[in-house]
Amino acid sequence: MLKRLANLLQDKQLSLFDAEPAVPPPPDALVNPRALRETRLGEHRVQYELKRARRRSIGFIVGADGLSVSAPRWLPQADIERALVQKSDWILRKLVEQRERAQRLQANRIEWRDGASMPYLGQPLRLALTPQQDGVELDEAGRVLRIGLPYDASAEQIRDIVQAWLKRCAKAYFEPRCQHYAEELGVTMKQLRLSSAQTRWGSASADGSIRLHWRLIHYTPAIIDYVVAHELAHLREMNHSPRFWDLVRSVMPDFEQARSLLREESITAS
């Protein structure tokens, strides 16, 4: 998984620093399901949702559902169309990124069945239903997760028992990494809790409490260490100032790579 993520990062670096133009997606990838309007940007027809509001300028948002445009109520449609053309390079690039992200999310979804695999600490782990045993057990090589369920177990049963095991593993793995970086940073972590937040991989409180999303256990040790170091650094700097990033860099000099790789992932991928 790390190799795949590194390749993704390398591709983005080439596109950014070598100024290679992104290849626009086909028209059917540019459709907003709530779109009632359509324009032509370069060679592509792009549908978009138009919202009229009490505002002074035009706003553009490209999300999972495609392009949305917010414009002042008094602005003529012709002016909106001209603004879309002027912003076309940015819009097409963002639509490409959203399509690629959706493809990655689909590829990363776990199939909860016998013989499927899931990422565990950045490596593939095969799921094997083993009716003759109880509970969940990792084999000695660390490549097969034996699950004590019958072969006709539902996907929901498999998911629930495996995710419970993952959460136990996450807590056991995160705690020593937190202690390590707390010592390196000279801070005191008073409590570690697992999180199931929808949008955040971790959080820190001024009282010394740290929350880490349990799904981090899917990712490589380097990515986990970045999130751990990031949150613990907040116990000294409750901001994202240059001093904060200097703190993170002092214990993880190459944190930018792990941060970039993590930005490609979704908390709800599985």
Protein backbone atom coordinates (compact mmCIF):
# COMPACT_ATOMS: atom_id res chain seq x y z
CA MET A 1 0.00 0.00 0.00
CA LEU A 2 2.87 2.41 0.82
CA LYS A 3 4.37 1.82 -2.63
CA ARG A 4 1.03 2.58 -4.27
CA LEU A 5 0.61 5.72 -2.18
CA ALA A 6 4.18 6.81 -2.93
CA ASN A 7 3.50 6.40 -6.64
CA LEU A 8 0.42 8.57 -6.32
CA LEU A 9 2.44 11.22 -4.53
CA GLN A 10 5.20 11.05 -7.15
CA ASP A 11 2.67 11.50 -9.92
CA LYS A 12 1.27 14.59 -8.24
CA GLN A 13 4.74 16.05 -7.74
CA LEU A 14 5.52 15.64 -11.43
CA SER A 15 2.26 17.31 -12.38
CA LEU A 16 2.90 20.17 -9.97
CA PHE A 17 6.58 20.90 -10.48
CA ASP A 18 6.99 19.96 -14.13
CA ALA A 19 3.80 21.86 -15.03
CA GLU A 20 2.37 18.96 -16.99
CA PRO A 21 -1.30 19.70 -17.74
CA ALA A 22 -3.82 17.35 -16.17
CA VAL A 23 -5.74 15.24 -18.66
CA PRO A 24 -9.39 16.33 -18.46
CA PRO A 25 -11.86 13.57 -17.65
CA PRO A 26 -14.60 12.53 -20.05
CA PRO A 27 -17.82 14.57 -19.94
CA ASP A 28 -19.77 11.95 -17.99
CA ALA A 29 -17.36 12.44 -15.07
CA LEU A 30 -18.20 16.15 -14.87
CA VAL A 31 -21.90 15.92 -14.07
CA ASN A 32 -23.32 17.36 -10.86
CA PRO A 33 -26.47 15.33 -10.01
CA ARG A 34 -28.18 18.57 -8.90
CA ALA A 35 -27.02 20.53 -11.93
CA LEU A 36 -29.62 22.42 -13.94
CA ARG A 37 -27.17 24.37 -16.08
CA GLU A 38 -24.42 23.46 -18.48
CA THR A 39 -21.44 25.25 -19.99
CA ARG A 40 -18.56 24.38 -22.27
CA LEU A 41 -15.03 24.52 -20.87
CA GLY A 42 -12.49 23.75 -23.54
CA GLU A 43 -13.53 20.48 -25.18
CA HIS A 44 -15.89 19.46 -22.40
CA ARG A 45 -19.47 20.08 -21.48
CA VAL A 46 -19.67 20.71 -17.75
CA GLN A 47 -22.93 20.69 -15.85
CA TYR A 48 -23.15 22.72 -12.68
CA GLU A 49 -25.47 23.73 -9.87
CA LEU A 50 -26.15 27.46 -9.71
CA LYS A 51 -27.08 29.10 -6.41
CA ARG A 52 -28.19 32.71 -6.26
CA ALA A 53 -27.45 34.47 -2.97
CA ARG A 54 -26.88 37.83 -1.33
CA ARG A 55 -23.19 38.12 -2.07
CA ARG A 56 -20.86 40.42 -3.98
CA SER A 57 -18.76 37.97 -5.95
CA ILE A 58 -18.94 34.59 -7.69
CA GLY A 59 -17.84 31.52 -5.74
CA PHE A 60 -16.82 28.15 -7.16
CA ILE A 61 -16.86 24.85 -5.28
CA VAL A 62 -15.80 21.50 -6.75
CA GLY A 63 -16.73 18.62 -4.46
CA ALA A 64 -17.69 14.98 -4.65
CA ASP A 65 -20.93 15.96 -6.42
CA GLY A 66 -19.22 18.08 -9.06
CA LEU A 67 -19.28 21.81 -9.69
CA SER A 68 -21.40 24.31 -7.75
CA VAL A 69 -21.46 28.03 -8.48
CA SER A 70 -22.73 30.72 -6.11
CA ALA A 71 -23.45 34.10 -7.66
CA PRO A 72 -25.09 37.41 -6.67
CA ARG A 73 -28.80 37.58 -7.44
CA TRP A 74 -28.33 40.65 -9.64
CA LEU A 75 -25.51 39.24 -11.81
CA PRO A 76 -26.44 38.44 -15.45
CA GLN A 77 -26.01 34.85 -16.58
CA ALA A 78 -23.62 35.97 -19.31
CA ASP A 79 -21.22 37.28 -16.65
CA ILE A 80 -21.36 33.95 -14.83
CA GLU A 81 -20.53 32.11 -18.06
CA ARG A 82 -17.54 34.39 -18.67
CA ALA A 83 -16.30 33.77 -15.12
CA LEU A 84 -16.58 30.02 -15.66
CA VAL A 85 -14.45 30.23 -18.78
CA GLN A 86 -11.85 32.36 -16.99
CA LYS A 87 -11.72 29.79 -14.17
CA SER A 88 -11.85 26.77 -16.50
CA ASP A 89 -8.30 25.49 -15.89
CA TRP A 90 -8.86 25.40 -12.12
CA ILE A 91 -12.33 23.85 -12.46
CA LEU A 92 -11.20 21.06 -14.79
CA ARG A 93 -8.19 20.29 -12.62
CA LYS A 94 -10.35 20.04 -9.50
CA LEU A 95 -12.87 17.84 -11.29
CA VAL A 96 -10.04 15.52 -12.33
CA GLU A 97 -8.85 15.36 -8.71
CA GLN A 98 -12.36 14.56 -7.46
CA ARG A 99 -12.78 11.79 -10.01
CA GLU A 100 -9.41 10.27 -9.06
CA ARG A 101 -10.28 10.50 -5.37
CA ALA A 102 -13.60 8.70 -5.97
CA GLN A 103 -11.74 5.96 -7.83
CA ARG A 104 -9.28 5.56 -4.95
CA LEU A 105 -12.11 5.36 -2.43
CA GLN A 106 -13.78 2.63 -4.44
CA ALA A 107 -10.52 0.70 -4.78
CA ASN A 108 -9.86 0.97 -1.04
CA ARG A 109 -13.22 -0.36 0.08
CA ILE A 110 -12.92 -3.62 1.96
CA GLU A 111 -14.97 -6.63 0.92
CA TRP A 112 -16.07 -8.35 4.10
CA ARG A 113 -15.90 -11.96 2.92
CA ASP A 114 -13.72 -15.04 3.19
CA GLY A 115 -10.56 -14.68 1.11
CA ALA A 116 -10.72 -10.90 0.74
CA SER A 117 -7.92 -8.69 1.99
CA MET A 118 -7.61 -5.42 3.87
CA PRO A 119 -4.65 -3.16 4.64
CA TYR A 120 -3.11 -3.55 8.09
CA LEU A 121 -0.13 -1.36 8.98
CA GLY A 122 0.24 -0.70 5.28
CA GLN A 123 0.40 -4.35 4.21
CA PRO A 124 -2.33 -6.61 2.78
CA LEU A 125 -3.93 -8.93 5.32
CA ARG A 126 -6.09 -11.81 4.04
CA LEU A 127 -9.36 -12.60 5.81
CA ALA A 128 -9.96 -16.31 6.43
CA LEU A 129 -13.13 -17.65 8.01
CA THR A 130 -12.21 -20.43 10.44
CA PRO A 131 -15.35 -21.94 12.02
CA GLN A 132 -13.36 -24.33 14.24
CA GLN A 133 -11.85 -21.51 16.32
CA ASP A 134 -13.20 -18.75 18.53
CA GLY A 135 -12.45 -15.09 18.18
CA VAL A 136 -9.91 -13.50 15.83
CA GLU A 137 -6.26 -14.51 15.49
CA LEU A 138 -3.38 -13.24 13.39
CA ASP A 139 -1.17 -15.98 11.94
CA GLU A 140 2.53 -16.11 12.80
CA ALA A 141 3.60 -14.56 9.49
CA GLY A 142 1.19 -11.68 9.99
CA ARG A 143 -0.43 -12.22 6.59
CA VAL A 144 -3.68 -14.02 7.42
CA LEU A 145 -6.38 -13.02 9.89
CA ARG A 146 -8.30 -16.10 11.03
CA ILE A 147 -11.87 -15.28 12.02
CA GLY A 148 -13.98 -17.61 14.12
CA LEU A 149 -17.16 -17.42 12.07
CA PRO A 150 -19.03 -19.94 9.87
CA TYR A 151 -18.48 -19.82 6.12
CA ASP A 152 -22.00 -18.46 5.59
CA ALA A 153 -21.43 -15.48 7.93
CA SER A 154 -22.81 -12.21 6.62
CA ALA A 155 -20.63 -9.29 5.58
CA GLU A 156 -21.93 -7.35 8.57
CA GLN A 157 -20.89 -10.12 10.99
CA ILE A 158 -17.41 -10.27 9.50
CA ARG A 159 -17.05 -6.50 9.50
CA ASP A 160 -18.13 -6.12 13.12
CA ILE A 161 -15.80 -8.78 14.53
CA VAL A 162 -12.82 -7.63 12.44
CA GLN A 163 -13.31 -3.96 13.23
CA ALA A 164 -13.49 -4.75 16.95
CA TRP A 165 -10.15 -6.55 16.58
CA LEU A 166 -8.70 -3.63 14.63
CA LYS A 167 -9.67 -1.21 17.38
CA ARG A 168 -7.94 -3.33 19.99
CA CYS A 169 -4.84 -3.50 17.82
CA ALA A 170 -4.98 0.24 17.21
CA LYS A 171 -4.98 1.07 20.91
CA ALA A 172 -2.13 -1.36 21.59
CA TYR A 173 -0.05 0.02 18.69
CA PHE A 174 -0.74 3.73 19.25
CA GLU A 175 0.09 3.85 22.96
CA PRO A 176 3.84 3.12 22.73
CA ARG A 177 4.19 5.42 19.72
CA CYS A 178 2.54 8.19 21.72
CA GLN A 179 4.86 7.60 24.65
CA HIS A 180 7.87 7.69 22.34
CA TYR A 181 6.96 11.01 20.72
CA ALA A 182 5.76 12.53 23.99
CA GLU A 183 9.25 11.99 25.39
CA GLU A 184 10.86 13.37 22.25
CA LEU A 185 8.70 16.49 22.39
CA GLY A 186 8.91 16.94 26.14
CA VAL A 187 5.14 16.81 26.70
CA THR A 188 2.89 14.74 28.91
CA MET A 189 0.02 12.76 27.41
CA LYS A 190 -2.51 12.12 30.14
CA GLN A 191 -4.97 10.06 28.14
CA LEU A 192 -5.26 8.35 24.76
CA ARG A 193 -8.65 7.61 23.28
CA LEU A 194 -9.72 6.13 19.99
CA SER A 195 -11.83 8.26 17.70
CA SER A 196 -14.43 7.55 15.03
CA ALA A 197 -14.69 11.14 13.83
CA GLN A 198 -15.95 11.72 10.31
CA THR A 199 -13.40 14.32 9.22
CA ARG A 200 -10.36 14.26 11.54
CA TRP A 201 -7.55 11.74 11.96
CA GLY A 202 -6.69 13.05 15.40
CA SER A 203 -7.16 15.80 17.95
CA ALA A 204 -5.47 17.15 21.06
CA SER A 205 -6.84 18.93 24.12
CA ALA A 206 -5.07 21.36 26.39
CA ASP A 207 -5.61 18.96 29.31
CA GLY A 208 -3.21 16.47 27.71
CA SER A 209 -5.81 14.20 26.11
CA ILE A 210 -5.15 12.80 22.64
CA ARG A 211 -7.64 11.22 20.26
CA LEU A 212 -6.53 9.14 17.29
CA HIS A 213 -8.82 7.63 14.67
CA TRP A 214 -8.76 3.85 14.92
CA ARG A 215 -8.71 3.50 11.11
CA LEU A 216 -5.11 4.73 11.13
CA ILE A 217 -4.20 1.10 11.90
CA HIS A 218 -4.78 0.43 8.19
CA TYR A 219 -1.86 2.66 7.24
CA THR A 220 1.91 2.45 7.36
CA PRO A 221 3.87 3.12 10.57
CA ALA A 222 5.24 6.34 9.02
CA ILE A 223 1.74 7.73 8.49
CA ILE A 224 0.67 6.74 12.01
CA ASP A 225 3.80 8.33 13.47
CA TYR A 226 3.06 11.56 11.61
CA VAL A 227 -0.43 11.84 13.10
CA VAL A 228 0.88 10.95 16.56
CA ALA A 229 3.67 13.53 16.37
CA HIS A 230 1.27 16.12 14.96
CA GLU A 231 -1.24 15.79 17.78
CA LEU A 232 1.38 15.63 20.53
CA ALA A 233 3.05 18.76 19.16
CA HIS A 234 -0.26 20.52 19.76
CA LEU A 235 0.26 20.02 23.49
CA ARG A 236 2.98 22.67 23.15
CA GLU A 237 1.57 24.73 20.29
CA MET A 238 -2.22 24.80 19.95
CA ASN A 239 -2.02 26.18 16.44
CA HIS A 240 -0.45 25.53 13.04
CA SER A 241 2.13 28.29 13.20
CA PRO A 242 5.69 27.92 11.86
CA ARG A 243 6.78 27.08 15.41
CA PHE A 244 4.30 24.20 15.45
CA TRP A 245 5.62 22.73 12.20
CA ASP A 246 9.19 23.16 13.45
CA LEU A 247 8.23 21.04 16.46
CA VAL A 248 6.84 18.29 14.24
CA ARG A 249 9.92 18.45 12.02
CA SER A 250 12.22 18.19 15.04
CA VAL A 251 10.97 14.65 15.73
CA MET A 252 9.99 13.65 12.20
CA PRO A 253 12.18 15.47 9.64
CA ASP A 254 10.39 13.97 6.61
CA PHE A 255 6.84 14.43 7.88
CA GLU A 256 5.74 16.23 4.69
CA GLN A 257 5.73 12.98 2.71
CA ALA A 258 3.56 11.16 5.25
CA ARG A 259 1.23 14.15 5.45
CA SER A 260 0.83 14.25 1.68
CA LEU A 261 0.16 10.52 1.51
CA LEU A 262 -2.48 10.73 4.23
CA ARG A 263 -4.28 13.53 2.40
CA GLU A 264 -4.98 11.06 -0.40
CA GLU A 265 -6.93 8.80 1.94
CA SER A 266 -10.44 8.85 3.38
CA ILE A 267 -11.44 8.24 6.96
CA THR A 268 -14.54 6.39 5.75
CA ALA A 269 -12.89 4.32 3.03
CA SER A 270 -13.69 0.95 4.58
